[in-house]
Protein backbone atom coordinates (compact mmCIF):
# COMPACT_ATOMS: atom_id res chain seq x y z
CA MET A 1 -24.80 5.76 14.74
CA THR A 2 -21.48 5.06 16.24
CA ALA A 3 -22.81 5.12 19.91
CA LEU A 4 -25.57 2.59 18.76
CA VAL A 5 -23.27 0.38 17.01
CA ALA A 6 -21.14 0.23 19.80
CA ARG A 7 -24.09 -0.53 22.17
CA LEU A 8 -25.18 -3.14 19.84
CA VAL A 9 -21.69 -4.93 19.92
CA SER A 10 -20.73 -4.22 23.72
CA GLY A 11 -20.00 -7.35 25.37
CA ARG A 12 -19.56 -9.31 22.28
CA THR A 13 -16.35 -7.42 20.57
CA HIS A 14 -14.08 -4.48 21.09
CA TYR A 15 -15.22 -1.78 18.96
CA GLY A 16 -11.69 -1.92 17.47
CA TRP A 17 -12.52 -4.63 15.27
CA ILE A 18 -15.13 -2.69 14.05
CA ALA A 19 -12.87 0.63 12.94
CA ALA A 20 -10.34 -2.06 11.60
CA ALA A 21 -13.20 -3.61 9.08
CA VAL A 22 -14.09 -0.38 7.85
CA ALA A 23 -10.47 0.19 7.55
CA PHE A 24 -9.99 -2.81 5.70
CA PHE A 25 -12.91 -2.08 3.18
CA VAL A 26 -11.79 1.29 2.64
CA LEU A 27 -7.81 0.41 1.83
CA LEU A 28 -9.55 -2.75 -0.31
CA ALA A 29 -11.36 0.31 -2.01
CA ALA A 30 -8.21 2.48 -2.38
CA ALA A 31 -5.89 -0.62 -3.59
CA GLY A 32 -8.51 -1.15 -6.12
CA VAL A 33 -7.84 2.61 -7.63
CA ARG A 34 -4.06 1.79 -7.29
CA ALA A 35 -4.90 -1.65 -9.39
CA THR A 36 -6.95 -0.20 -12.12
CA PRO A 37 -3.57 1.34 -14.07
CA SER A 38 -2.07 -1.89 -14.59
CA VAL A 39 -5.72 -3.38 -16.50
CA LEU A 40 -5.59 0.36 -18.63
CA ILE A 41 -2.05 0.33 -20.12
CA VAL A 42 -2.80 -1.91 -23.26
CA PRO A 43 -6.23 -0.33 -23.56
CA LEU A 44 -5.05 3.31 -23.70
CA GLU A 45 -2.38 2.11 -25.97
CA GLN A 46 -5.08 0.93 -28.42
CA SER A 47 -7.22 3.94 -27.78
CA PHE A 48 -5.11 6.80 -28.28
CA GLY A 49 -1.85 5.33 -30.00
CA TRP A 50 0.05 6.57 -26.68
CA SER A 51 3.49 4.71 -26.05
CA ARG A 52 3.86 2.21 -23.23
CA ASP A 53 6.62 4.98 -21.54
CA THR A 54 4.37 7.70 -21.97
CA ILE A 55 1.57 5.66 -19.81
CA SER A 56 3.91 4.61 -17.52
CA PHE A 57 5.00 8.15 -16.65
CA ALA A 58 1.40 9.01 -15.73
CA ILE A 59 1.70 5.88 -13.53
CA GLY A 60 4.85 6.44 -12.08
CA VAL A 61 3.60 10.47 -10.93
CA ASN A 62 0.71 8.42 -9.32
CA ILE A 63 2.47 5.96 -7.49
CA PHE A 64 5.13 8.72 -6.12
CA LEU A 65 2.44 11.21 -4.93
CA TYR A 66 0.78 7.95 -3.53
CA GLY A 67 3.94 7.60 -1.35
CA LEU A 68 4.76 11.24 -1.14
CA MET A 69 1.40 12.17 0.62
CA GLY A 70 2.13 9.28 3.47
CA PRO A 71 3.49 11.58 6.35
CA PHE A 72 1.36 14.56 5.47
CA ALA A 73 -1.65 12.31 5.97
CA ALA A 74 -0.19 11.07 8.90
CA ALA A 75 0.27 14.41 10.33
CA ALA A 76 -3.04 15.74 9.02
CA MET A 77 -5.05 12.89 10.48
CA GLN A 78 -3.35 13.55 13.96
CA ARG A 79 -4.21 17.57 13.76
CA PHE A 80 -7.82 17.38 11.98
CA GLY A 81 -9.07 13.54 12.55
CA ILE A 82 -9.32 10.59 10.92
CA ARG A 83 -12.82 10.62 9.57
CA PRO A 84 -12.50 14.37 7.76
CA VAL A 85 -9.28 13.61 6.09
CA ILE A 86 -10.32 10.01 4.82
CA ILE A 87 -13.59 11.52 3.40
CA PHE A 88 -12.16 14.21 1.59
CA ALA A 89 -9.47 11.61 0.15
CA LEU A 90 -12.27 9.42 -0.94
CA ALA A 91 -14.52 12.02 -2.42
CA LEU A 92 -11.35 13.25 -4.59
CA LEU A 93 -10.55 9.76 -5.72
CA ALA A 94 -14.08 9.30 -7.01
CA ALA A 95 -14.12 12.62 -8.60
CA ALA A 96 -10.78 12.28 -10.17
CA VAL A 97 -11.66 8.82 -11.57
CA SER A 98 -15.07 9.60 -12.91
CA GLY A 99 -13.52 12.74 -14.55
CA SER A 100 -10.74 10.42 -16.35
CA THR A 101 -13.54 9.19 -18.54
CA LEU A 102 -13.53 12.52 -20.48
CA ILE A 103 -9.54 12.83 -21.37
CA THR A 104 -8.65 12.94 -24.67
CA GLN A 105 -4.56 14.27 -24.39
CA GLU A 106 -1.70 12.83 -22.52
CA TRP A 107 -1.63 15.63 -19.80
CA GLN A 108 -5.08 14.98 -19.46
CA LEU A 109 -4.15 11.25 -18.22
CA VAL A 110 -1.11 12.48 -16.09
CA LEU A 111 -3.20 15.02 -14.24
CA THR A 112 -6.47 12.31 -13.19
CA TRP A 113 -4.57 9.31 -12.86
CA GLY A 114 -1.45 10.64 -12.21
CA LEU A 115 -1.87 13.76 -9.99
CA LEU A 116 -5.38 13.92 -8.60
CA VAL A 117 -5.66 9.56 -7.68
CA GLY A 118 -1.97 9.68 -6.58
CA PHE A 119 -3.02 12.27 -4.03
CA GLY A 120 -6.04 10.90 -3.06
CA SER A 121 -4.85 7.16 -2.50
CA GLY A 122 -1.63 8.65 -0.58
CA ILE A 123 -4.21 9.57 2.11
CA ALA A 124 -5.97 6.26 2.06
CA ALA A 125 -2.89 4.32 2.47
CA MET A 126 -0.82 2.38 4.60
CA VAL A 127 -0.67 5.44 7.10
CA PHE A 128 -3.98 5.42 7.35
CA GLY A 129 -4.16 1.30 8.69
CA ALA A 130 -1.14 2.44 10.82
CA THR A 131 -3.35 5.42 12.45
CA ILE A 132 -5.95 2.96 13.01
CA VAL A 133 -3.69 0.43 14.67
CA ASN A 134 -2.40 2.94 16.90
CA ARG A 135 -5.77 4.64 18.07
CA TRP A 136 -7.47 1.53 18.59
CA PHE A 137 -5.13 -1.32 19.70
CA HIS A 138 -2.81 -2.22 22.55
CA GLU A 139 -2.72 -6.02 21.81
CA ARG A 140 -2.67 -7.56 18.54
CA ARG A 141 -1.00 -5.08 16.72
CA GLY A 142 1.12 -6.94 14.61
CA LEU A 143 -1.90 -9.28 13.73
CA VAL A 144 -3.74 -6.04 12.85
CA MET A 145 -1.64 -4.42 10.87
CA GLY A 146 -0.98 -7.50 8.88
CA LEU A 147 -4.69 -8.13 7.97
CA LEU A 148 -5.06 -4.05 6.94
CA THR A 149 -1.99 -4.38 4.79
CA ALA A 150 -2.98 -7.38 3.36
CA SER A 151 -6.04 -5.58 1.89
CA THR A 152 -4.31 -4.39 -0.89
CA ALA A 153 -3.68 -7.85 -2.23
CA THR A 154 -7.21 -8.24 -1.38
CA GLY A 155 -7.92 -5.47 -3.64
CA SER A 156 -6.00 -6.83 -6.43
CA LEU A 157 -7.98 -10.25 -6.04
CA VAL A 158 -11.59 -8.67 -5.97
CA PHE A 159 -10.93 -6.05 -8.65
CA LEU A 160 -8.44 -6.95 -11.33
CA PRO A 161 -10.49 -9.96 -12.70
CA ILE A 162 -13.59 -7.90 -12.99
CA LEU A 163 -11.79 -4.94 -14.38
CA ALA A 164 -9.70 -7.04 -17.05
CA ALA A 165 -13.15 -8.34 -18.00
CA VAL A 166 -15.07 -5.08 -18.51
CA ALA A 167 -12.05 -3.79 -20.40
CA GLU A 168 -11.94 -6.57 -22.76
CA ASP A 169 -15.97 -6.34 -23.42
CA HIS A 170 -16.47 -2.78 -22.98
CA GLY A 171 -13.54 -0.82 -23.45
CA TRP A 172 -11.29 1.25 -20.68
CA GLN A 173 -13.87 3.87 -19.75
CA PRO A 174 -16.53 1.39 -17.84
CA VAL A 175 -13.40 0.29 -15.53
CA ALA A 176 -13.33 3.95 -14.55
CA TRP A 177 -17.02 4.32 -13.78
CA VAL A 178 -17.10 1.24 -11.67
CA VAL A 179 -13.79 2.11 -9.88
CA ALA A 180 -15.56 5.54 -9.08
CA ALA A 181 -18.41 3.87 -7.84
CA VAL A 182 -17.19 1.35 -5.23
CA VAL A 183 -14.86 4.40 -4.11
CA ALA A 184 -17.81 6.51 -3.24
CA ALA A 185 -19.43 3.43 -1.64
CA MET A 186 -16.87 3.61 1.18
CA ILE A 187 -17.87 7.83 2.12
CA PRO A 188 -21.11 6.87 4.06
CA LEU A 189 -19.16 3.48 5.61
CA VAL A 190 -16.74 5.88 7.36
CA ALA A 191 -19.03 8.66 7.93
CA LEU A 192 -21.31 6.54 9.89
CA LEU A 193 -19.28 3.52 11.25
CA LEU A 194 -15.50 5.33 12.14
CA PRO A 195 -15.17 7.16 15.45
CA GLU A 196 -12.53 9.34 16.02
CA ARG A 197 -10.87 7.59 19.02
CA PRO A 198 -11.97 4.61 21.35
CA GLN A 199 -12.93 7.13 24.08
CA ASP A 200 -15.94 8.34 21.77
CA VAL A 201 -17.39 5.51 22.43
CA GLY A 202 -16.56 5.02 26.08
CA LEU A 203 -13.69 2.52 25.29
CA GLY A 204 -9.88 2.34 25.77
CA ARG A 205 -7.62 0.52 23.09
CA LEU A 206 -8.29 -3.09 23.15
CA GLY A 207 -6.32 -4.70 25.89
CA GLU A 208 -6.18 -1.18 27.81
CA ALA A 209 -8.81 0.10 30.39
CA PRO A 210 -11.10 2.68 29.43
CA GLY A 211 -10.16 6.40 30.51
CA ALA A 212 -6.82 7.06 28.72
CA ALA A 213 -6.49 10.72 27.87
CA PRO A 214 -6.34 10.97 24.01
CA THR A 215 -3.29 12.69 22.27
CA GLY A 216 -3.44 14.27 19.07
CA ALA A 217 -0.92 17.25 17.27
CA THR A 218 -1.88 20.84 17.26
CA GLY A 219 0.10 22.05 15.16
CA ASN A 220 0.24 22.66 11.41
CA PRO A 221 0.73 19.24 9.87
CA ILE A 222 3.06 20.54 6.96
CA VAL A 223 5.43 21.56 9.73
CA THR A 224 5.04 18.75 11.92
CA ALA A 225 6.23 16.25 9.17
CA PHE A 226 8.94 18.33 7.98
CA ARG A 227 10.32 18.71 11.81
CA ILE A 228 9.97 15.24 12.48
CA LEU A 229 11.84 14.18 9.60
CA GLY A 230 14.48 16.28 10.73
CA ARG A 231 14.81 14.38 13.76
CA ALA A 232 14.52 11.14 12.27
CA SER A 233 17.20 11.81 9.46
CA LYS A 234 19.62 11.80 11.83
CA LYS A 235 19.37 8.00 12.87
CA ARG A 236 20.95 5.31 10.76
CA ASP A 237 17.64 3.03 10.96
CA PHE A 238 15.76 5.87 9.47
CA TRP A 239 18.24 5.47 6.08
CA LEU A 240 18.33 1.86 6.29
CA LEU A 241 14.35 1.48 6.53
CA ALA A 242 13.63 4.12 3.81
CA GLY A 243 15.88 2.54 1.68
CA SER A 244 14.75 -1.08 2.17
CA PHE A 245 11.33 0.24 1.58
CA PHE A 246 12.30 1.98 -1.50
CA VAL A 247 13.66 -1.32 -2.87
CA CYS A 248 10.07 -3.14 -1.47
CA GLY A 249 8.01 -0.60 -3.77
CA LEU A 250 10.39 -0.90 -6.57
CA THR A 251 9.78 -5.00 -6.78
CA THR A 252 6.42 -5.10 -6.19
CA ASN A 253 3.55 -1.73 -7.11
CA GLY A 254 6.18 -0.39 -9.38
CA LEU A 255 7.14 -3.52 -11.34
CA ILE A 256 5.02 -6.48 -10.80
CA GLY A 257 2.07 -4.30 -10.10
CA THR A 258 2.61 -2.06 -13.05
CA HIS A 259 3.54 -4.08 -15.61
CA LEU A 260 3.18 -8.22 -14.90
CA ILE A 261 -0.36 -8.14 -17.18
CA ALA A 262 1.29 -5.84 -20.12
CA ALA A 263 4.48 -8.38 -19.55
CA CYS A 264 2.15 -11.58 -20.06
CA LEU A 265 0.29 -9.87 -22.75
CA ASP A 266 3.93 -9.37 -24.75
CA GLN A 267 4.01 -13.52 -24.15
CA GLY A 268 0.54 -13.81 -25.90
CA ILE A 269 -1.65 -14.54 -22.67
CA PRO A 270 -4.88 -12.81 -22.34
CA VAL A 271 -5.43 -9.75 -20.50
CA THR A 272 -7.97 -11.45 -18.25
CA THR A 273 -5.38 -14.44 -17.41
CA GLY A 274 -2.75 -11.74 -16.18
CA ALA A 275 -5.45 -10.12 -14.14
CA TRP A 276 -6.16 -13.67 -12.24
CA LEU A 277 -2.50 -13.93 -12.35
CA LEU A 278 -2.18 -11.22 -9.91
CA ALA A 279 -5.46 -11.81 -7.72
CA ALA A 280 -4.02 -15.42 -7.16
CA MET A 281 -0.86 -13.47 -5.74
CA GLY A 282 -3.30 -11.52 -3.93
CA ILE A 283 -4.74 -14.72 -2.42
CA PHE A 284 -1.14 -15.60 -1.14
CA ASP A 285 -0.65 -12.31 -0.29
CA LEU A 286 -3.22 -12.21 2.24
CA ILE A 287 -2.01 -15.27 3.75
CA GLY A 288 1.42 -14.55 3.73
CA THR A 289 0.87 -10.95 4.68
CA THR A 290 -1.12 -11.83 7.98
CA ALA A 291 1.07 -14.81 8.77
CA SER A 292 3.93 -11.84 8.62
CA GLY A 293 1.84 -9.61 11.35
CA TRP A 294 1.80 -12.75 13.39
CA LEU A 295 5.13 -13.34 13.45
CA SER A 296 6.11 -10.11 13.48
CA ASP A 297 4.51 -10.35 17.41
CA ARG A 298 7.29 -13.05 18.02
CA TYR A 299 10.53 -13.00 16.05
CA SER A 300 13.08 -10.66 15.17
CA SER A 301 11.79 -8.25 12.39
CA ARG A 302 15.49 -7.94 11.04
CA TRP A 303 15.75 -11.83 9.93
CA LEU A 304 12.02 -11.98 8.76
CA LEU A 305 12.86 -9.11 6.35
CA PHE A 306 16.24 -10.73 5.41
CA TRP A 307 14.00 -13.76 4.27
CA TYR A 308 11.21 -11.73 2.63
CA TYR A 309 13.93 -9.88 0.63
CA GLY A 310 15.95 -12.71 -0.44
CA LEU A 311 13.06 -14.77 -1.69
CA ARG A 312 11.46 -12.29 -3.53
CA GLY A 313 14.84 -11.36 -5.51
CA LEU A 314 15.13 -15.27 -6.25
CA SER A 315 11.18 -14.99 -7.72
CA LEU A 316 11.94 -12.19 -9.67
CA VAL A 317 15.47 -13.52 -11.15
CA TYR A 318 13.21 -16.92 -11.88
CA LEU A 319 10.35 -15.16 -13.67
CA PRO A 320 11.47 -14.75 -16.93
CA PHE A 321 13.13 -18.04 -17.33
CA SER A 322 9.67 -19.46 -16.21
CA GLY A 323 8.69 -19.77 -19.85
CA PHE A 324 5.46 -17.77 -18.87
CA SER A 325 3.38 -21.31 -19.19
CA PHE A 326 0.69 -22.16 -16.66
CA TYR A 327 2.98 -24.20 -14.52
CA GLY A 328 5.71 -21.47 -14.49
CA LEU A 329 3.71 -18.77 -13.62
CA SER A 330 1.74 -21.00 -10.91
CA VAL A 331 4.95 -21.47 -9.00
CA PHE A 332 6.01 -17.86 -9.28
CA ALA A 333 2.35 -16.71 -8.26
CA VAL A 334 2.85 -18.60 -5.02
CA PHE A 335 6.42 -18.18 -4.32
CA TYR A 336 6.13 -14.27 -4.64
CA GLY A 337 2.66 -14.12 -3.87
CA LEU A 338 3.32 -15.13 -0.07
CA ASP A 339 5.90 -12.31 -0.24
CA TRP A 340 3.90 -9.26 -1.78
CA ILE A 341 3.57 -7.14 1.00
CA ALA A 342 4.85 -9.32 3.93
CA THR A 343 7.47 -6.86 4.75
CA VAL A 344 5.17 -4.06 6.02
CA PRO A 345 4.49 -5.38 9.62
CA PRO A 346 8.06 -6.04 10.45
CA THR A 347 8.98 -2.68 9.05
CA LEU A 348 6.54 -1.08 11.02
CA LYS A 349 7.39 -2.89 14.02
CA LEU A 350 11.22 -1.96 13.53
CA THR A 351 9.89 1.69 13.19
CA ASN A 352 8.04 1.94 16.19
CA ASP A 353 11.41 0.19 18.15
CA ALA A 354 13.59 3.09 16.48
CA PHE A 355 11.46 6.14 17.05
CA GLY A 356 8.50 5.92 19.79
CA LYS A 357 4.86 6.23 19.82
CA ASP A 358 5.08 10.43 19.48
CA ASP A 359 7.46 10.25 15.89
CA ALA A 360 6.67 6.42 14.71
CA PRO A 361 3.24 7.46 12.67
CA VAL A 362 5.01 10.21 10.92
CA VAL A 363 8.28 8.75 10.61
CA PHE A 364 6.44 5.62 8.80
CA GLY A 365 4.79 7.94 6.62
CA TRP A 366 7.98 9.09 5.69
CA ILE A 367 9.51 5.44 4.87
CA ALA A 368 6.35 4.73 3.13
CA ALA A 369 6.71 7.24 0.89
CA SER A 370 10.67 6.09 -0.08
CA HIS A 371 8.41 2.76 -0.87
CA GLN A 372 6.28 5.23 -3.30
CA VAL A 373 9.33 6.54 -4.47
CA GLY A 374 10.92 3.47 -5.34
CA ALA A 375 7.76 1.98 -7.15
CA ALA A 376 7.47 5.07 -9.20
CA THR A 377 10.86 4.69 -10.33
CA ALA A 378 10.13 0.90 -11.35
CA ALA A 379 6.93 1.87 -12.79
CA PHE A 380 8.56 4.18 -15.24
CA GLY A 381 11.74 2.69 -15.68
CA ALA A 382 10.37 -0.49 -16.42
CA GLY A 383 8.09 0.79 -19.26
CA VAL A 384 11.41 2.87 -20.60
CA ILE A 385 13.32 -0.76 -20.73
CA ARG A 386 10.11 -2.38 -22.15
CA THR A 387 10.01 0.55 -25.10
CA ALA A 388 13.80 0.35 -25.65
CA MET A 389 14.54 -3.59 -25.63
CA ASP A 390 11.26 -4.55 -26.57
CA GLY A 391 10.99 -6.84 -23.34
CA TYR A 392 11.27 -6.88 -19.55
CA LEU A 393 13.86 -9.37 -18.99
CA LEU A 394 16.44 -6.46 -17.99
CA ALA A 395 13.89 -5.21 -15.65
CA PHE A 396 12.89 -8.01 -14.17
CA LEU A 397 16.94 -9.07 -13.24
CA ILE A 398 18.02 -5.87 -11.98
CA ALA A 399 14.96 -5.89 -9.48
CA GLY A 400 15.95 -9.74 -8.72
CA VAL A 401 19.74 -8.54 -7.83
CA ILE A 402 18.99 -5.52 -5.73
CA CYS A 403 16.28 -7.28 -3.76
CA VAL A 404 18.98 -10.19 -2.82
CA GLY A 405 21.41 -7.02 -1.74
CA THR A 406 18.87 -5.40 0.48
CA ALA A 407 17.92 -9.01 2.10
CA PHE A 408 21.53 -8.31 4.06
CA MET A 409 21.46 -4.44 4.45
CA VAL A 410 18.28 -5.14 6.77
CA LEU A 411 20.06 -7.05 8.98
CA ALA A 412 22.12 -3.95 10.23
CA ILE A 413 18.79 -2.25 11.29
CA GLY A 414 18.32 -1.61 14.95
CA ARG A 415 22.18 -2.91 15.63
CA GLY A 416 24.09 -1.01 18.37
CA GLN A 417 21.34 1.40 19.09
CA ARG A 418 19.02 1.77 22.34
CA PRO A 419 14.91 1.34 21.34
CA ALA A 420 13.25 4.71 21.44
CA ALA A 421 10.93 5.17 24.18
CA GLY A 422 7.54 4.17 23.33
CA ARG A 423 8.23 1.07 21.24
CA LEU A 424 5.91 -1.35 19.91
CA ALA A 425 4.44 -2.41 23.18
CA GLU A 426 3.04 1.18 23.94
CA ALA A 427 2.03 2.56 20.38
CA THR A 428 2.13 1.14 16.84
CA ALA A 429 2.53 3.35 13.86
């Protein structure tokens, strides 16, 4: 099937754009899975009487594993191939989400939406997009990575309002069935349209002549992941990148992505309105992250990150004082949405500059793991703060202050150190 499609598009477009489109839809579906718990917090409270910090714990486990799987997923894709690894992840997600409709106890929530969904979604995540960019593109990498990263925002845009309406009208279980069906639909798309490498359809990477020999790891992916971590951890830039991405996850997926709908409900705003607010932020993030990819190909990634983290911190400090009015939330949605995950393309570029084409895919996986550790920390921590203080004010203020501090920290990345061989001009992710 891939060979047939390659022949049909030959002379019109490079097949790398088809591969990127497949990756976009897979990442969009995985984002739908990741976005779903924010819709389920209140329905699960009402159905089972579980506390918000208990539900937040399951979400925190989910987000933690979502990040932890990154480096191992990258190594597994190098060892076993992209297509079989992604098909396995999608099948696991579909089974886990559909199985969650049978839960009756808290540990079952942790098992399904926590462990299994976290494991599967962690494979079909940012490292998947980075691997596609590395395999298929020699040019326009920042732009393509920006587009693939923005798919997570588009996932929220597509799914959240629909899922919120389903939950409000029919309860939480039909929400799980909708998400499981969408994920399952991605399996034939990957199986039929995603070749392993450009060489499989007689091409080179976009902007590169055909005939380059394919490369790939041959060792145990777990050993490979830890061996590369050992090398990377000796460099200061690894800790600066991982630390900044920890804060990125803490202030996006963990805090806003998980708790914004619940915080709106605390202010008397209906769940569907809160979902539309996140969806609106998704629209602006699609613009902001795509633009960030374009900018990272042309300007200093350190200074881009400085502005991204600084402006995000100010928007988080503003949120609890917005009055949660239509105007106040609209300003926040635009301001914060443009910056939601715009940090990914410049972070990826700095990773490639520092660690080169051989180690960068797995190093970025470890940095992405740090992102999700931060997200898990905020998902659980904000739930605890909400339970203890009957509000999210302190959570938003802490996150905002940390973000502003991180803006100054990222200016030290890459200072006084020579780039590794195989920087972005040679490989991405």
